[in-house]
Protein backbone atom coordinates (compact mmCIF):
# COMPACT_ATOMS: atom_id res chain seq x y z
CA MET A 1 0.00 0.00 0.00
CA VAL A 2 1.13 3.52 -0.82
CA CYS A 3 -0.26 6.66 0.81
CA ILE A 4 -0.14 9.98 -1.03
CA VAL A 5 -0.45 13.23 0.92
CA ASP A 6 -0.75 16.26 -1.37
CA ASP A 7 -3.07 19.26 -1.32
CA ASP A 8 -3.19 19.45 -5.14
CA ASP A 9 -6.14 17.40 -6.46
CA ALA A 10 -4.61 17.01 -9.92
CA VAL A 11 -1.29 15.75 -8.53
CA ARG A 12 -3.03 13.27 -6.22
CA ASP A 13 -5.25 12.00 -9.02
CA SER A 14 -2.39 11.55 -11.49
CA LEU A 15 -0.16 9.86 -8.91
CA ARG A 16 -3.01 7.55 -7.88
CA ALA A 17 -3.68 6.57 -11.51
CA LEU A 18 0.01 5.92 -12.16
CA LEU A 19 0.52 3.83 -9.04
CA GLU A 20 -2.67 1.85 -9.56
CA SER A 21 -1.47 1.08 -13.09
CA TYR A 22 1.48 -0.67 -11.37
CA GLY A 23 -0.99 -2.78 -9.39
CA LEU A 24 -0.52 -0.96 -6.09
CA THR A 25 -3.19 -0.20 -3.54
CA VAL A 26 -3.26 3.56 -3.05
CA PHE A 27 -4.86 5.81 -0.45
CA ASP A 28 -4.66 9.55 -0.85
CA PHE A 29 -5.15 12.48 1.49
CA ASP A 30 -5.44 16.20 0.82
CA CYS A 31 -3.51 17.26 3.92
CA ALA A 32 -1.33 15.93 6.71
CA ALA A 33 -4.16 16.20 9.24
CA ALA A 34 -6.39 13.95 7.11
CA TYR A 35 -3.62 11.35 6.91
CA LEU A 36 -3.00 11.48 10.66
CA SER A 37 -6.69 11.17 11.49
CA ALA A 38 -7.14 8.19 9.16
CA LYS A 39 -4.82 5.99 11.25
CA PRO A 40 -4.43 3.25 8.64
CA ALA A 41 -4.79 -0.26 10.09
CA VAL A 42 -1.69 -1.31 8.16
CA GLU A 43 1.40 0.85 7.92
CA PRO A 44 1.92 1.76 4.25
CA GLY A 45 4.96 0.46 2.41
CA CYS A 46 5.66 3.97 1.21
CA LEU A 47 4.52 7.53 1.82
CA ILE A 48 4.60 10.09 -0.98
CA VAL A 49 4.28 13.53 0.59
CA ASP A 50 4.20 17.03 -0.86
CA LEU A 51 6.59 19.37 0.90
CA HIS A 52 4.51 22.56 0.62
CA MET A 53 0.99 22.19 1.99
CA PRO A 54 -1.16 24.43 4.14
CA GLY A 55 -1.19 23.55 7.82
CA LEU A 56 1.32 20.85 8.63
CA ASP A 57 3.76 20.69 5.70
CA GLY A 58 5.29 17.48 4.37
CA LEU A 59 8.50 17.71 6.39
CA GLU A 60 6.61 18.48 9.58
CA LEU A 61 4.43 15.42 8.94
CA ILE A 62 7.44 13.16 8.44
CA GLU A 63 9.23 14.63 11.48
CA LEU A 64 6.09 14.05 13.58
CA LEU A 65 5.86 10.44 12.38
CA ARG A 66 9.54 9.86 13.20
CA ARG A 67 9.01 11.22 16.73
CA ARG A 68 6.16 8.69 17.02
CA ARG A 69 8.63 5.99 15.93
CA VAL A 70 6.88 5.46 12.57
CA GLN A 71 9.66 4.63 10.13
CA THR A 72 7.63 4.28 6.92
CA PRO A 73 9.90 5.05 3.95
CA ALA A 74 8.93 8.48 2.62
CA ILE A 75 9.41 10.21 -0.71
CA LEU A 76 9.07 13.98 -0.51
CA LEU A 77 7.88 15.98 -3.54
CA THR A 78 8.54 19.66 -4.11
CA GLY A 79 8.21 22.18 -6.87
CA ARG A 80 10.83 24.49 -5.36
CA HIS A 81 14.56 24.30 -4.76
CA ASP A 82 15.26 24.70 -1.05
CA ASP A 83 18.63 23.65 0.41
CA GLN A 84 17.41 23.89 4.01
CA ALA A 85 14.42 21.66 3.27
CA ALA A 86 16.70 19.18 1.51
CA GLN A 87 18.94 19.01 4.59
CA ARG A 88 15.95 18.62 6.92
CA ALA A 89 14.65 15.85 4.65
CA ARG A 90 17.97 14.00 4.91
CA ASP A 91 18.04 14.50 8.68
CA SER A 92 14.48 13.13 8.95
CA GLY A 93 15.35 10.00 7.03
CA VAL A 94 13.42 10.87 3.89
CA LEU A 95 14.27 8.27 1.28
CA LYS A 96 14.33 10.76 -1.60
CA LEU A 97 13.42 14.37 -2.34
CA LEU A 98 12.05 14.57 -5.88
CA HIS A 99 11.36 17.77 -7.79
CA LYS A 100 8.12 18.25 -9.69
CA PRO A 101 7.35 17.42 -12.36
CA VAL A 102 8.42 13.91 -11.40
CA LEU A 103 9.19 11.40 -14.14
CA ALA A 104 7.21 8.18 -13.77
CA ASP A 105 10.34 6.03 -14.05
CA ASP A 106 12.10 8.01 -11.30
CA LEU A 107 9.12 7.74 -8.99
CA LYS A 108 8.77 4.02 -9.67
CA PHE A 109 12.48 3.50 -8.94
CA TRP A 110 12.18 5.19 -5.54
CA ILE A 111 8.93 3.41 -4.68
CA ASP A 112 10.69 0.11 -5.45
CA ARG A 113 13.50 1.20 -3.12
CA ALA A 114 10.98 2.08 -0.41
CA PHE A 115 9.37 -1.34 -0.68
CA SER A 116 12.77 -3.04 -0.58
CA VAL A 117 13.43 -1.29 2.74
CA ARG A 118 10.16 -2.75 4.02
CA SER A 119 10.61 -6.51 3.65
CA ASP A 120 7.03 -7.19 4.80
CA VAL A 121 5.41 -5.64 1.71
CA PRO A 122 5.65 -6.63 -1.98
CA ALA A 123 7.57 -4.51 -4.46
CA VAL A 124 5.95 -2.67 -7.36
CA ARG A 125 4.82 -5.19 -9.95
CA HIS A 126 6.11 -4.76 -13.49
């Protein structure tokens, strides 16, 4: 399972369609608060989180999860270059910071890596 957290409807919809075309189960949320309140019964194999969102931003969400000892591999998406955010992402254990627009092959590569970190979930099917 992959969870997408992004406030942009079009981005969420296109990511969902792409990931479902790989055979993945996808849940999406329009903000960090919605993700946190959902409390998925099963920890996702990968989180794909937008950096810049109203309210709790993507890095704040990941940092909060890490403080709660949730180690789900996370891919952070951003449309802006920000060296400080990149360093915070590394410090928070973000698997990869990808810049929008993200190429499907790049995203798939990093999702495969996320699933390989989590041995209890299957990798993306080809």
